Amino acid sequence: MPAFVTIGAEFAHPVPDSVSDDAAALCEPLSVGIAAIRKAGVDARSRVLVAGAGPIGIVVTQVAKAYGASEITVSDPDPARREQATRFGATTVLDPTVEPVGSEPVDAFIDASGAQPAVVDSIRAVRPAGRVVLVGSGAESMELPTQVIQNRELVLTGVFRYANTWPTAIALVESGQVDLDAMVTAHFSLEQTAQALDSDRTPGSVKSVVTVS
């Protein structure tokens, strides 16, 4: 493995000493969350619904809180993940297999699950002229409630990449508005990469970090 790599200067962002190596590594998924929140138009008045409380759902929740969202509801069938969502800023958590998702209209829905039932049910919870942002990776295609989207004139978009997010990500971590260190639940060596990739099956796991020494 090479000791150094060459990249363009525009892709290199200085990280202050107050930001740990773990947090610096997780600024990448945090950038995904920032891109999603920006596309969702979240501000201090926003009521936000997030489907999926995995790592991306958790960073989306934290960024929504940092942007001042008044209500953040996180939907996930896993009780351990719902508990994590509460820890990281959700004002309400629910089990979509038991509770209706759309009891109260929301301004923005961000999907971090990739699951069609979650996407369809949550779109129905969005108010007229609200926004839907699809982040979770699911099937190549899925059926959507097109009449709801049309009749309510919803804005629907996706997030796959991001631009101009890293300075914001670093600033949010440095200020303490987003806690990435608390998301790290395990460390692995480079030789344990396969084990690290399977670690998300461990109850209570949020994010694992592979350390190259």
N, C-alpha and C. Protein backbone atom coordinates (compact mmCIF):
# COMPACT_ATOMS: atom_id res chain seq x y z
N MET A 1 0.84 -1.20 0.00
CA MET A 1 0.00 0.00 0.00
C MET A 1 0.88 1.25 0.00
N PRO A 2 0.60 2.21 -0.88
CA PRO A 2 1.42 3.43 -0.92
C PRO A 2 1.26 4.25 0.35
N ALA A 3 2.33 4.93 0.72
CA ALA A 3 2.29 5.77 1.92
C ALA A 3 1.59 7.09 1.65
N PHE A 4 1.57 7.52 0.37
CA PHE A 4 0.96 8.79 0.02
C PHE A 4 0.18 8.66 -1.28
N VAL A 5 -0.80 9.53 -1.47
CA VAL A 5 -1.52 9.63 -2.73
C VAL A 5 -1.55 11.10 -3.14
N THR A 6 -1.69 11.34 -4.41
CA THR A 6 -1.74 12.70 -4.93
C THR A 6 -3.18 13.05 -5.32
N ILE A 7 -3.68 14.17 -4.81
CA ILE A 7 -5.02 14.64 -5.16
C ILE A 7 -4.96 16.13 -5.48
N GLY A 8 -5.97 16.62 -6.14
CA GLY A 8 -6.05 18.05 -6.42
C GLY A 8 -6.24 18.85 -5.15
N ALA A 9 -5.64 20.03 -5.10
CA ALA A 9 -5.71 20.85 -3.89
C ALA A 9 -7.15 21.19 -3.51
N GLU A 10 -8.03 21.31 -4.52
CA GLU A 10 -9.42 21.67 -4.22
C GLU A 10 -10.17 20.58 -3.48
N PHE A 11 -9.58 19.37 -3.45
CA PHE A 11 -10.22 18.26 -2.75
C PHE A 11 -9.59 18.00 -1.39
N ALA A 12 -8.64 18.82 -0.99
CA ALA A 12 -7.96 18.65 0.29
C ALA A 12 -8.46 19.71 1.27
N HIS A 13 -8.97 19.27 2.40
CA HIS A 13 -9.54 20.20 3.38
C HIS A 13 -8.82 20.03 4.71
N PRO A 14 -8.24 21.08 5.25
CA PRO A 14 -7.56 20.97 6.54
C PRO A 14 -8.55 20.66 7.66
N VAL A 15 -8.14 19.77 8.53
CA VAL A 15 -8.98 19.39 9.67
C VAL A 15 -8.29 19.87 10.95
N PRO A 16 -8.97 20.64 11.78
CA PRO A 16 -8.34 21.14 13.01
C PRO A 16 -8.00 20.01 13.97
N ASP A 17 -7.03 20.27 14.84
CA ASP A 17 -6.59 19.25 15.79
C ASP A 17 -7.71 18.82 16.73
N SER A 18 -8.71 19.68 16.91
CA SER A 18 -9.81 19.35 17.82
C SER A 18 -10.74 18.28 17.24
N VAL A 19 -10.61 17.99 15.95
CA VAL A 19 -11.42 16.96 15.30
C VAL A 19 -10.61 15.67 15.23
N SER A 20 -11.13 14.60 15.80
CA SER A 20 -10.41 13.33 15.84
C SER A 20 -10.30 12.70 14.45
N ASP A 21 -9.40 11.72 14.34
CA ASP A 21 -9.26 11.00 13.07
C ASP A 21 -10.56 10.26 12.73
N ASP A 22 -11.21 9.69 13.75
CA ASP A 22 -12.48 9.01 13.51
C ASP A 22 -13.51 9.97 12.92
N ALA A 23 -13.63 11.14 13.55
CA ALA A 23 -14.61 12.12 13.07
C ALA A 23 -14.26 12.62 11.68
N ALA A 24 -12.97 12.80 11.42
CA ALA A 24 -12.55 13.25 10.09
C ALA A 24 -12.95 12.22 9.03
N ALA A 25 -12.79 10.94 9.37
CA ALA A 25 -13.16 9.88 8.43
C ALA A 25 -14.67 9.90 8.15
N LEU A 26 -15.45 10.19 9.19
CA LEU A 26 -16.91 10.16 9.02
C LEU A 26 -17.47 11.46 8.46
N CYS A 27 -16.59 12.41 8.13
CA CYS A 27 -17.08 13.61 7.44
C CYS A 27 -17.59 13.26 6.04
N GLU A 28 -17.20 12.10 5.52
CA GLU A 28 -17.73 11.70 4.20
C GLU A 28 -19.21 11.37 4.29
N PRO A 29 -19.66 10.43 5.13
CA PRO A 29 -21.11 10.23 5.24
C PRO A 29 -21.84 11.47 5.76
N LEU A 30 -21.17 12.27 6.59
CA LEU A 30 -21.79 13.51 7.05
C LEU A 30 -22.08 14.43 5.86
N SER A 31 -21.19 14.43 4.88
CA SER A 31 -21.42 15.24 3.68
C SER A 31 -22.67 14.80 2.93
N VAL A 32 -22.94 13.50 2.94
CA VAL A 32 -24.17 13.00 2.33
C VAL A 32 -25.38 13.59 3.06
N GLY A 33 -25.31 13.58 4.38
CA GLY A 33 -26.41 14.13 5.18
C GLY A 33 -26.61 15.61 4.94
N ILE A 34 -25.51 16.35 4.81
CA ILE A 34 -25.61 17.79 4.54
C ILE A 34 -26.26 18.03 3.19
N ALA A 35 -25.84 17.26 2.18
CA ALA A 35 -26.42 17.41 0.84
C ALA A 35 -27.92 17.15 0.88
N ALA A 36 -28.33 16.12 1.64
CA ALA A 36 -29.75 15.78 1.73
C ALA A 36 -30.54 16.88 2.42
N ILE A 37 -30.01 17.40 3.52
CA ILE A 37 -30.71 18.45 4.25
C ILE A 37 -30.82 19.73 3.42
N ARG A 38 -29.78 20.04 2.68
CA ARG A 38 -29.84 21.21 1.80
C ARG A 38 -30.91 21.04 0.73
N LYS A 39 -30.94 19.88 0.12
CA LYS A 39 -31.95 19.65 -0.92
C LYS A 39 -33.36 19.65 -0.35
N ALA A 40 -33.48 19.26 0.92
CA ALA A 40 -34.79 19.24 1.57
C ALA A 40 -35.22 20.64 2.01
N GLY A 41 -34.32 21.60 1.94
CA GLY A 41 -34.66 22.97 2.33
C GLY A 41 -34.96 23.13 3.81
N VAL A 42 -34.28 22.37 4.65
CA VAL A 42 -34.57 22.39 6.09
C VAL A 42 -34.07 23.69 6.72
N ASP A 43 -34.94 24.28 7.54
CA ASP A 43 -34.56 25.46 8.32
C ASP A 43 -35.21 25.38 9.70
N ALA A 44 -35.21 26.49 10.41
CA ALA A 44 -35.67 26.48 11.80
C ALA A 44 -37.15 26.19 11.96
N ARG A 45 -37.92 26.25 10.90
CA ARG A 45 -39.36 25.99 11.01
C ARG A 45 -39.73 24.59 10.54
N SER A 46 -38.77 23.84 10.08
CA SER A 46 -39.07 22.60 9.37
C SER A 46 -39.47 21.44 10.28
N ARG A 47 -40.47 20.71 9.80
CA ARG A 47 -40.84 19.42 10.40
C ARG A 47 -40.31 18.36 9.44
N VAL A 48 -39.42 17.53 9.94
CA VAL A 48 -38.68 16.60 9.09
C VAL A 48 -39.00 15.16 9.48
N LEU A 49 -39.18 14.32 8.47
CA LEU A 49 -39.37 12.89 8.66
C LEU A 49 -38.20 12.17 8.01
N VAL A 50 -37.55 11.29 8.77
CA VAL A 50 -36.43 10.50 8.27
C VAL A 50 -36.80 9.03 8.37
N ALA A 51 -36.70 8.31 7.26
CA ALA A 51 -36.94 6.86 7.27
C ALA A 51 -35.60 6.15 7.27
N GLY A 52 -35.38 5.35 8.30
CA GLY A 52 -34.13 4.60 8.41
C GLY A 52 -33.19 5.26 9.40
N ALA A 53 -32.81 4.51 10.44
CA ALA A 53 -31.91 5.05 11.47
C ALA A 53 -30.57 4.34 11.46
N GLY A 54 -30.09 4.02 10.24
CA GLY A 54 -28.72 3.54 10.09
C GLY A 54 -27.77 4.73 10.14
N PRO A 55 -26.51 4.54 9.75
CA PRO A 55 -25.54 5.64 9.81
C PRO A 55 -25.97 6.89 9.05
N ILE A 56 -26.51 6.73 7.83
CA ILE A 56 -26.92 7.91 7.07
C ILE A 56 -28.13 8.57 7.72
N GLY A 57 -29.08 7.77 8.19
CA GLY A 57 -30.23 8.34 8.88
C GLY A 57 -29.83 9.11 10.12
N ILE A 58 -28.80 8.61 10.82
CA ILE A 58 -28.33 9.29 12.03
C ILE A 58 -27.65 10.61 11.69
N VAL A 59 -26.82 10.63 10.63
CA VAL A 59 -26.18 11.91 10.29
C VAL A 59 -27.22 12.90 9.75
N VAL A 60 -28.20 12.41 9.01
CA VAL A 60 -29.28 13.29 8.54
C VAL A 60 -30.01 13.90 9.74
N THR A 61 -30.28 13.08 10.74
CA THR A 61 -30.95 13.56 11.95
C THR A 61 -30.13 14.63 12.64
N GLN A 62 -28.83 14.39 12.77
CA GLN A 62 -27.96 15.36 13.44
C GLN A 62 -27.88 16.68 12.66
N VAL A 63 -27.79 16.58 11.34
CA VAL A 63 -27.70 17.80 10.53
C VAL A 63 -29.02 18.56 10.57
N ALA A 64 -30.14 17.84 10.53
CA ALA A 64 -31.45 18.50 10.64
C ALA A 64 -31.54 19.28 11.95
N LYS A 65 -31.06 18.68 13.02
CA LYS A 65 -31.06 19.37 14.32
C LYS A 65 -30.16 20.60 14.27
N ALA A 66 -28.97 20.44 13.67
CA ALA A 66 -28.04 21.56 13.57
C ALA A 66 -28.61 22.71 12.75
N TYR A 67 -29.42 22.38 11.75
CA TYR A 67 -30.04 23.40 10.91
C TYR A 67 -31.30 23.98 11.55
N GLY A 68 -31.64 23.50 12.74
CA GLY A 68 -32.72 24.11 13.51
C GLY A 68 -34.11 23.54 13.30
N ALA A 69 -34.22 22.34 12.71
CA ALA A 69 -35.54 21.75 12.48
C ALA A 69 -36.33 21.71 13.78
N SER A 70 -37.60 22.09 13.71
CA SER A 70 -38.42 22.15 14.91
C SER A 70 -38.89 20.78 15.36
N GLU A 71 -39.10 19.88 14.40
CA GLU A 71 -39.51 18.51 14.71
C GLU A 71 -38.73 17.55 13.81
N ILE A 72 -38.19 16.50 14.41
CA ILE A 72 -37.47 15.48 13.65
C ILE A 72 -38.02 14.12 14.06
N THR A 73 -38.77 13.50 13.17
CA THR A 73 -39.33 12.18 13.42
C THR A 73 -38.52 11.15 12.64
N VAL A 74 -38.08 10.11 13.32
CA VAL A 74 -37.31 9.05 12.68
C VAL A 74 -38.09 7.76 12.77
N SER A 75 -38.24 7.12 11.62
CA SER A 75 -38.99 5.87 11.51
C SER A 75 -38.04 4.71 11.24
N ASP A 76 -38.11 3.67 12.07
CA ASP A 76 -37.28 2.48 11.87
C ASP A 76 -37.91 1.33 12.65
N PRO A 77 -37.97 0.13 12.06
CA PRO A 77 -38.57 -1.00 12.77
C PRO A 77 -37.67 -1.59 13.86
N ASP A 78 -36.39 -1.24 13.87
CA ASP A 78 -35.43 -1.80 14.83
C ASP A 78 -35.41 -0.95 16.10
N PRO A 79 -35.76 -1.52 17.26
CA PRO A 79 -35.80 -0.73 18.49
C PRO A 79 -34.45 -0.16 18.89
N ALA A 80 -33.36 -0.89 18.63
CA ALA A 80 -32.03 -0.38 18.97
C ALA A 80 -31.70 0.85 18.13
N ARG A 81 -32.09 0.81 16.87
CA ARG A 81 -31.82 1.97 16.01
C ARG A 81 -32.71 3.16 16.39
N ARG A 82 -33.92 2.89 16.80
CA ARG A 82 -34.78 4.00 17.26
C ARG A 82 -34.17 4.65 18.49
N GLU A 83 -33.61 3.84 19.36
CA GLU A 83 -32.96 4.39 20.56
C GLU A 83 -31.77 5.28 20.17
N GLN A 84 -30.99 4.82 19.19
CA GLN A 84 -29.87 5.63 18.72
C GLN A 84 -30.36 6.94 18.12
N ALA A 85 -31.45 6.87 17.36
CA ALA A 85 -31.99 8.09 16.74
C ALA A 85 -32.37 9.13 17.80
N THR A 86 -32.97 8.67 18.88
CA THR A 86 -33.32 9.57 19.98
C THR A 86 -32.07 10.19 20.58
N ARG A 87 -31.06 9.37 20.75
CA ARG A 87 -29.79 9.84 21.32
C ARG A 87 -29.17 10.95 20.47
N PHE A 88 -29.34 10.85 19.16
CA PHE A 88 -28.68 11.79 18.26
C PHE A 88 -29.58 12.92 17.78
N GLY A 89 -30.73 13.10 18.41
CA GLY A 89 -31.48 14.31 18.13
C GLY A 89 -32.91 14.18 17.65
N ALA A 90 -33.39 12.96 17.42
CA ALA A 90 -34.78 12.82 17.00
C ALA A 90 -35.71 13.27 18.12
N THR A 91 -36.74 14.03 17.76
CA THR A 91 -37.72 14.45 18.76
C THR A 91 -38.80 13.39 18.94
N THR A 92 -39.01 12.58 17.90
CA THR A 92 -39.98 11.49 17.93
C THR A 92 -39.42 10.31 17.15
N VAL A 93 -39.61 9.11 17.67
CA VAL A 93 -39.26 7.91 16.92
C VAL A 93 -40.49 7.02 16.87
N LEU A 94 -40.59 6.24 15.79
CA LEU A 94 -41.74 5.34 15.68
C LEU A 94 -41.36 4.08 14.91
N ASP A 95 -42.11 3.04 15.20
CA ASP A 95 -41.98 1.76 14.50
C ASP A 95 -43.02 1.75 13.39
N PRO A 96 -42.59 1.81 12.12
CA PRO A 96 -43.56 1.91 11.03
C PRO A 96 -44.41 0.66 10.84
N THR A 97 -44.00 -0.45 11.47
CA THR A 97 -44.81 -1.66 11.37
C THR A 97 -45.96 -1.65 12.37
N VAL A 98 -45.93 -0.67 13.29
CA VAL A 98 -46.95 -0.59 14.34
C VAL A 98 -47.72 0.73 14.28
N GLU A 99 -46.99 1.83 14.07
CA GLU A 99 -47.59 3.16 14.12
C GLU A 99 -47.68 3.76 12.72
N PRO A 100 -48.73 4.52 12.45
CA PRO A 100 -48.83 5.20 11.15
C PRO A 100 -47.78 6.30 11.03
N VAL A 101 -47.16 6.38 9.87
CA VAL A 101 -46.11 7.37 9.65
C VAL A 101 -46.70 8.76 9.45
N GLY A 102 -47.84 8.84 8.79
CA GLY A 102 -48.37 10.13 8.38
C GLY A 102 -49.40 10.74 9.28
N SER A 103 -49.29 10.56 10.58
CA SER A 103 -50.30 11.13 11.48
C SER A 103 -50.25 12.65 11.50
N GLU A 104 -49.06 13.23 11.28
CA GLU A 104 -48.91 14.68 11.21
C GLU A 104 -48.15 15.02 9.94
N PRO A 105 -48.58 16.02 9.17
CA PRO A 105 -47.87 16.38 7.93
C PRO A 105 -46.49 16.94 8.23
N VAL A 106 -45.55 16.66 7.34
CA VAL A 106 -44.18 17.16 7.50
C VAL A 106 -43.82 18.03 6.30
N ASP A 107 -42.81 18.87 6.49
CA ASP A 107 -42.35 19.74 5.40
C ASP A 107 -41.39 19.00 4.47
N ALA A 108 -40.64 18.07 5.04
CA ALA A 108 -39.64 17.36 4.25
C ALA A 108 -39.51 15.92 4.72
N PHE A 109 -39.38 15.04 3.76
CA PHE A 109 -39.13 13.62 4.03
C PHE A 109 -37.81 13.24 3.38
N ILE A 110 -36.93 12.63 4.19
CA ILE A 110 -35.64 12.16 3.68
C ILE A 110 -35.57 10.66 3.91
N ASP A 111 -35.45 9.91 2.83
CA ASP A 111 -35.37 8.46 2.96
C ASP A 111 -33.93 8.01 3.05
N ALA A 112 -33.61 7.29 4.12
CA ALA A 112 -32.29 6.71 4.31
C ALA A 112 -32.40 5.20 4.45
N SER A 113 -33.51 4.64 3.95
CA SER A 113 -33.75 3.21 4.09
C SER A 113 -33.65 2.45 2.77
N GLY A 114 -34.09 3.06 1.70
CA GLY A 114 -34.13 2.38 0.41
C GLY A 114 -35.25 1.37 0.30
N ALA A 115 -36.14 1.35 1.28
CA ALA A 115 -37.23 0.37 1.32
C ALA A 115 -38.50 0.99 0.74
N GLN A 116 -39.09 0.32 -0.23
CA GLN A 116 -40.27 0.88 -0.90
C GLN A 116 -41.42 1.18 0.06
N PRO A 117 -41.78 0.28 0.99
CA PRO A 117 -42.89 0.62 1.89
C PRO A 117 -42.63 1.90 2.68
N ALA A 118 -41.39 2.08 3.12
CA ALA A 118 -41.06 3.29 3.87
C ALA A 118 -41.17 4.53 3.00
N VAL A 119 -40.69 4.42 1.77
CA VAL A 119 -40.74 5.56 0.85
C VAL A 119 -42.18 5.95 0.54
N VAL A 120 -42.99 4.96 0.19
CA VAL A 120 -44.38 5.24 -0.20
C VAL A 120 -45.18 5.82 0.96
N ASP A 121 -45.10 5.18 2.12
CA ASP A 121 -45.86 5.66 3.28
C ASP A 121 -45.42 7.06 3.69
N SER A 122 -44.12 7.31 3.62
CA SER A 122 -43.60 8.60 4.07
C SER A 122 -43.92 9.72 3.10
N ILE A 123 -43.94 9.43 1.80
CA ILE A 123 -44.33 10.45 0.82
C ILE A 123 -45.74 10.93 1.12
N ARG A 124 -46.60 10.03 1.53
CA ARG A 124 -47.99 10.40 1.84
C ARG A 124 -48.08 11.32 3.06
N ALA A 125 -47.00 11.39 3.83
CA ALA A 125 -47.01 12.24 5.03
C ALA A 125 -46.54 13.66 4.75
N VAL A 126 -46.09 13.93 3.52
CA VAL A 126 -45.52 15.24 3.20
C VAL A 126 -46.63 16.23 2.82
N ARG A 127 -46.56 17.41 3.34
CA ARG A 127 -47.56 18.45 3.08
C ARG A 127 -47.49 18.91 1.63
N PRO A 128 -48.52 19.58 1.14
CA PRO A 128 -48.47 20.16 -0.21
C PRO A 128 -47.26 21.08 -0.37
N ALA A 129 -46.60 20.97 -1.52
CA ALA A 129 -45.40 21.75 -1.86
C ALA A 129 -44.20 21.38 -0.99
N GLY A 130 -44.28 20.24 -0.32
CA GLY A 130 -43.16 19.77 0.48
C GLY A 130 -42.09 19.12 -0.38
N ARG A 131 -41.04 18.65 0.28
CA ARG A 131 -39.90 18.08 -0.44
C ARG A 131 -39.62 16.65 -0.02
N VAL A 132 -39.23 15.84 -0.99
CA VAL A 132 -38.87 14.44 -0.78
C VAL A 132 -37.46 14.24 -1.31
N VAL A 133 -36.56 13.71 -0.47
CA VAL A 133 -35.18 13.46 -0.88
C VAL A 133 -34.87 11.99 -0.66
N LEU A 134 -34.53 11.29 -1.73
CA LEU A 134 -34.22 9.86 -1.66
C LEU A 134 -32.71 9.68 -1.57
N VAL A 135 -32.26 9.11 -0.45
CA VAL A 135 -30.83 8.89 -0.22
C VAL A 135 -30.51 7.40 -0.14
N GLY A 136 -31.38 6.63 0.48
CA GLY A 136 -31.14 5.20 0.67
C GLY A 136 -31.07 4.45 -0.65
N SER A 137 -30.16 3.48 -0.71
CA SER A 137 -30.00 2.66 -1.91
C SER A 137 -30.89 1.43 -1.80
N GLY A 138 -31.83 1.31 -2.71
CA GLY A 138 -32.73 0.16 -2.69
C GLY A 138 -32.75 -0.52 -4.03
N ALA A 139 -33.92 -0.94 -4.45
CA ALA A 139 -34.08 -1.61 -5.74
C ALA A 139 -33.84 -0.62 -6.87
N GLU A 140 -33.56 -1.16 -8.05
CA GLU A 140 -33.32 -0.31 -9.22
C GLU A 140 -34.54 0.53 -9.55
N SER A 141 -35.72 0.01 -9.28
CA SER A 141 -36.95 0.76 -9.53
C SER A 141 -37.96 0.43 -8.44
N MET A 142 -38.89 1.35 -8.22
CA MET A 142 -39.97 1.12 -7.26
C MET A 142 -41.19 1.93 -7.66
N GLU A 143 -42.36 1.46 -7.24
CA GLU A 143 -43.60 2.19 -7.51
C GLU A 143 -43.76 3.32 -6.49
N LEU A 144 -44.16 4.47 -6.98
CA LEU A 144 -44.37 5.63 -6.12
C LEU A 144 -45.80 6.13 -6.25
N PRO A 145 -46.33 6.78 -5.21
CA PRO A 145 -47.70 7.32 -5.27
C PRO A 145 -47.74 8.58 -6.12
N THR A 146 -47.76 8.40 -7.43
CA THR A 146 -47.63 9.54 -8.35
C THR A 146 -48.76 10.55 -8.20
N GLN A 147 -49.97 10.09 -7.90
CA GLN A 147 -51.07 11.05 -7.74
C GLN A 147 -50.83 11.96 -6.54
N VAL A 148 -50.29 11.39 -5.47
CA VAL A 148 -49.97 12.21 -4.30
C VAL A 148 -48.90 13.24 -4.67
N ILE A 149 -47.87 12.78 -5.38
CA ILE A 149 -46.78 13.69 -5.79
C ILE A 149 -47.31 14.80 -6.68
N GLN A 150 -48.17 14.44 -7.63
CA GLN A 150 -48.71 15.44 -8.55
C GLN A 150 -49.69 16.38 -7.86
N ASN A 151 -50.66 15.80 -7.16
CA ASN A 151 -51.72 16.61 -6.56
C ASN A 151 -51.18 17.59 -5.50
N ARG A 152 -50.17 17.14 -4.78
CA ARG A 152 -49.59 18.02 -3.75
C ARG A 152 -48.42 18.84 -4.29
N GLU A 153 -48.07 18.62 -5.55
CA GLU A 153 -46.96 19.33 -6.18
C GLU A 153 -45.69 19.22 -5.34
N LEU A 154 -45.36 17.98 -4.99
CA LEU A 154 -44.16 17.73 -4.20
C LEU A 154 -42.91 17.84 -5.08
N VAL A 155 -41.83 18.25 -4.46
CA VAL A 155 -40.54 18.29 -5.14
C VAL A 155 -39.77 17.04 -4.72
N LEU A 156 -39.47 16.17 -5.67
CA LEU A 156 -38.80 14.90 -5.38
C LEU A 156 -37.45 14.87 -6.06
N THR A 157 -36.42 14.56 -5.29
CA THR A 157 -35.07 14.49 -5.85
C THR A 157 -34.28 13.42 -5.12
N GLY A 158 -33.06 13.20 -5.55
CA GLY A 158 -32.21 12.19 -4.94
C GLY A 158 -30.86 12.76 -4.57
N VAL A 159 -30.12 11.99 -3.77
CA VAL A 159 -28.74 12.33 -3.42
C VAL A 159 -27.88 11.11 -3.68
N PHE A 160 -26.85 11.29 -4.49
CA PHE A 160 -25.89 10.21 -4.74
C PHE A 160 -24.48 10.71 -4.48
N ARG A 161 -24.22 11.92 -4.87
CA ARG A 161 -22.95 12.59 -4.62
C ARG A 161 -23.23 13.91 -3.91
N TYR A 162 -22.20 14.68 -3.67
CA TYR A 162 -22.37 15.95 -2.98
C TYR A 162 -21.30 16.91 -3.48
N ALA A 163 -21.52 18.19 -3.29
CA ALA A 163 -20.55 19.21 -3.69
C ALA A 163 -20.53 20.32 -2.65
N ASN A 164 -19.34 20.82 -2.37
CA ASN A 164 -19.16 21.96 -1.46
C ASN A 164 -19.76 21.71 -0.08
N THR A 165 -19.57 20.50 0.41
CA THR A 165 -20.10 20.14 1.73
C THR A 165 -19.02 19.99 2.79
N TRP A 166 -17.80 19.71 2.38
CA TRP A 166 -16.77 19.38 3.37
C TRP A 166 -16.46 20.51 4.35
N PRO A 167 -16.32 21.75 3.91
CA PRO A 167 -16.09 22.82 4.90
C PRO A 167 -17.22 22.90 5.93
N THR A 168 -18.45 22.72 5.48
CA THR A 168 -19.58 22.73 6.41
C THR A 168 -19.51 21.54 7.35
N ALA A 169 -19.17 20.37 6.82
CA ALA A 169 -19.08 19.17 7.65
C ALA A 169 -18.04 19.35 8.75
N ILE A 170 -16.87 19.83 8.38
CA ILE A 170 -15.80 20.03 9.36
C ILE A 170 -16.22 21.06 10.41
N ALA A 171 -16.87 22.13 9.97
CA ALA A 171 -17.31 23.18 10.90
C ALA A 171 -18.36 22.67 11.88
N LEU A 172 -19.29 21.84 11.40
CA LEU A 172 -20.32 21.29 12.28
C LEU A 172 -19.72 20.39 13.34
N VAL A 173 -18.70 19.61 12.95
CA VAL A 173 -18.05 18.72 13.91
C VAL A 173 -17.23 19.53 14.90
N GLU A 174 -16.46 20.49 14.40
CA GLU A 174 -15.60 21.30 15.27
C GLU A 174 -16.43 22.07 16.30
N SER A 175 -17.60 22.54 15.90
CA SER A 175 -18.45 23.32 16.80
C SER A 175 -19.19 22.46 17.81
N GLY A 176 -19.20 21.15 17.58
CA GLY A 176 -19.94 20.26 18.47
C GLY A 176 -21.40 20.10 18.12
N GLN A 177 -21.83 20.72 17.03
CA GLN A 177 -23.24 20.59 16.63
C GLN A 177 -23.55 19.20 16.10
N VAL A 178 -22.54 18.53 15.57
CA VAL A 178 -22.68 17.15 15.13
C VAL A 178 -21.62 16.33 15.83
N ASP A 179 -22.01 15.21 16.41
CA ASP A 179 -21.10 14.33 17.15
C ASP A 179 -20.86 13.06 16.34
N LEU A 180 -19.73 13.01 15.66
CA LEU A 180 -19.40 11.82 14.88
C LEU A 180 -18.66 10.78 15.71
N ASP A 181 -17.89 11.23 16.70
CA ASP A 181 -17.15 10.27 17.53
C ASP A 181 -18.10 9.30 18.23
N ALA A 182 -19.26 9.80 18.66
CA ALA A 182 -20.21 8.95 19.36
C ALA A 182 -20.85 7.91 18.44
N MET A 183 -20.73 8.12 17.13
CA MET A 183 -21.29 7.16 16.18
C MET A 183 -20.38 5.96 15.97
N VAL A 184 -19.10 6.09 16.34
CA VAL A 184 -18.14 5.01 16.13
C VAL A 184 -18.30 3.98 17.24
N THR A 185 -18.74 2.79 16.86
CA THR A 185 -18.99 1.75 17.85
C THR A 185 -17.98 0.61 17.79
N ALA A 186 -17.07 0.63 16.81
CA ALA A 186 -16.05 -0.43 16.72
C ALA A 186 -14.90 0.04 15.84
N HIS A 187 -13.71 -0.49 16.14
CA HIS A 187 -12.52 -0.24 15.32
C HIS A 187 -11.96 -1.58 14.83
N PHE A 188 -11.46 -1.57 13.62
CA PHE A 188 -10.87 -2.78 13.03
C PHE A 188 -9.58 -2.41 12.31
N SER A 189 -8.69 -3.40 12.22
CA SER A 189 -7.47 -3.21 11.44
C SER A 189 -7.78 -3.44 9.97
N LEU A 190 -6.82 -3.10 9.11
CA LEU A 190 -7.03 -3.30 7.68
C LEU A 190 -7.27 -4.77 7.36
N GLU A 191 -6.61 -5.64 8.10
CA GLU A 191 -6.78 -7.08 7.87
C GLU A 191 -8.16 -7.56 8.28
N GLN A 192 -8.86 -6.79 9.08
CA GLN A 192 -10.19 -7.16 9.56
C GLN A 192 -11.31 -6.45 8.79
N THR A 193 -11.00 -5.98 7.59
CA THR A 193 -11.98 -5.21 6.82
C THR A 193 -13.27 -5.99 6.58
N ALA A 194 -13.15 -7.27 6.23
CA ALA A 194 -14.35 -8.07 5.98
C ALA A 194 -15.22 -8.14 7.24
N GLN A 195 -14.58 -8.28 8.38
CA GLN A 195 -15.32 -8.31 9.65
C GLN A 195 -15.98 -6.95 9.91
N ALA A 196 -15.28 -5.89 9.56
CA ALA A 196 -15.84 -4.55 9.75
C ALA A 196 -17.09 -4.34 8.91
N LEU A 197 -17.06 -4.86 7.68
CA LEU A 197 -18.21 -4.70 6.79
C LEU A 197 -19.43 -5.45 7.29
N ASP A 198 -19.20 -6.51 8.07
CA ASP A 198 -20.32 -7.29 8.62
C ASP A 198 -20.76 -6.79 9.99
N SER A 199 -20.02 -5.83 10.54
CA SER A 199 -20.28 -5.42 11.93
C SER A 199 -21.61 -4.71 12.11
N ASP A 200 -22.21 -4.23 11.00
CA ASP A 200 -23.49 -3.54 11.15
C ASP A 200 -24.61 -4.47 11.57
N ARG A 201 -24.34 -5.78 11.52
CA ARG A 201 -25.34 -6.75 11.97
C ARG A 201 -25.35 -6.89 13.49
N THR A 202 -24.33 -6.34 14.14
CA THR A 202 -24.24 -6.42 15.59
C THR A 202 -25.23 -5.45 16.22
N PRO A 203 -26.08 -5.92 17.14
CA PRO A 203 -27.03 -5.01 17.78
C PRO A 203 -26.33 -3.82 18.43
N GLY A 204 -26.84 -2.64 18.20
CA GLY A 204 -26.24 -1.44 18.77
C GLY A 204 -25.14 -0.82 17.94
N SER A 205 -24.74 -1.50 16.86
CA SER A 205 -23.69 -0.97 16.01
C SER A 205 -24.21 0.21 15.20
N VAL A 206 -23.40 1.25 15.09
CA VAL A 206 -23.75 2.40 14.24
C VAL A 206 -22.76 2.50 13.10
N LYS A 207 -21.48 2.72 13.42
CA LYS A 207 -20.47 2.87 12.38
C LYS A 207 -19.15 2.30 12.86
N SER A 208 -18.49 1.54 12.00
CA SER A 208 -17.17 0.98 12.30
C SER A 208 -16.11 1.73 11.51
N VAL A 209 -14.92 1.81 12.08
CA VAL A 209 -13.80 2.49 11.43
C VAL A 209 -12.66 1.50 11.25
N VAL A 210 -12.12 1.45 10.04
CA VAL A 210 -10.95 0.63 9.74
C VAL A 210 -9.72 1.53 9.84
N THR A 211 -8.79 1.14 10.69
CA THR A 211 -7.58 1.93 10.92
C THR A 211 -6.41 1.35 10.14
N VAL A 212 -5.76 2.18 9.37
CA VAL A 212 -4.58 1.77 8.60
C VAL A 212 -3.35 2.28 9.34
N SER A 213 -2.51 1.35 9.76
CA SER A 213 -1.31 1.76 10.51
C SER A 213 -0.05 1.44 9.74
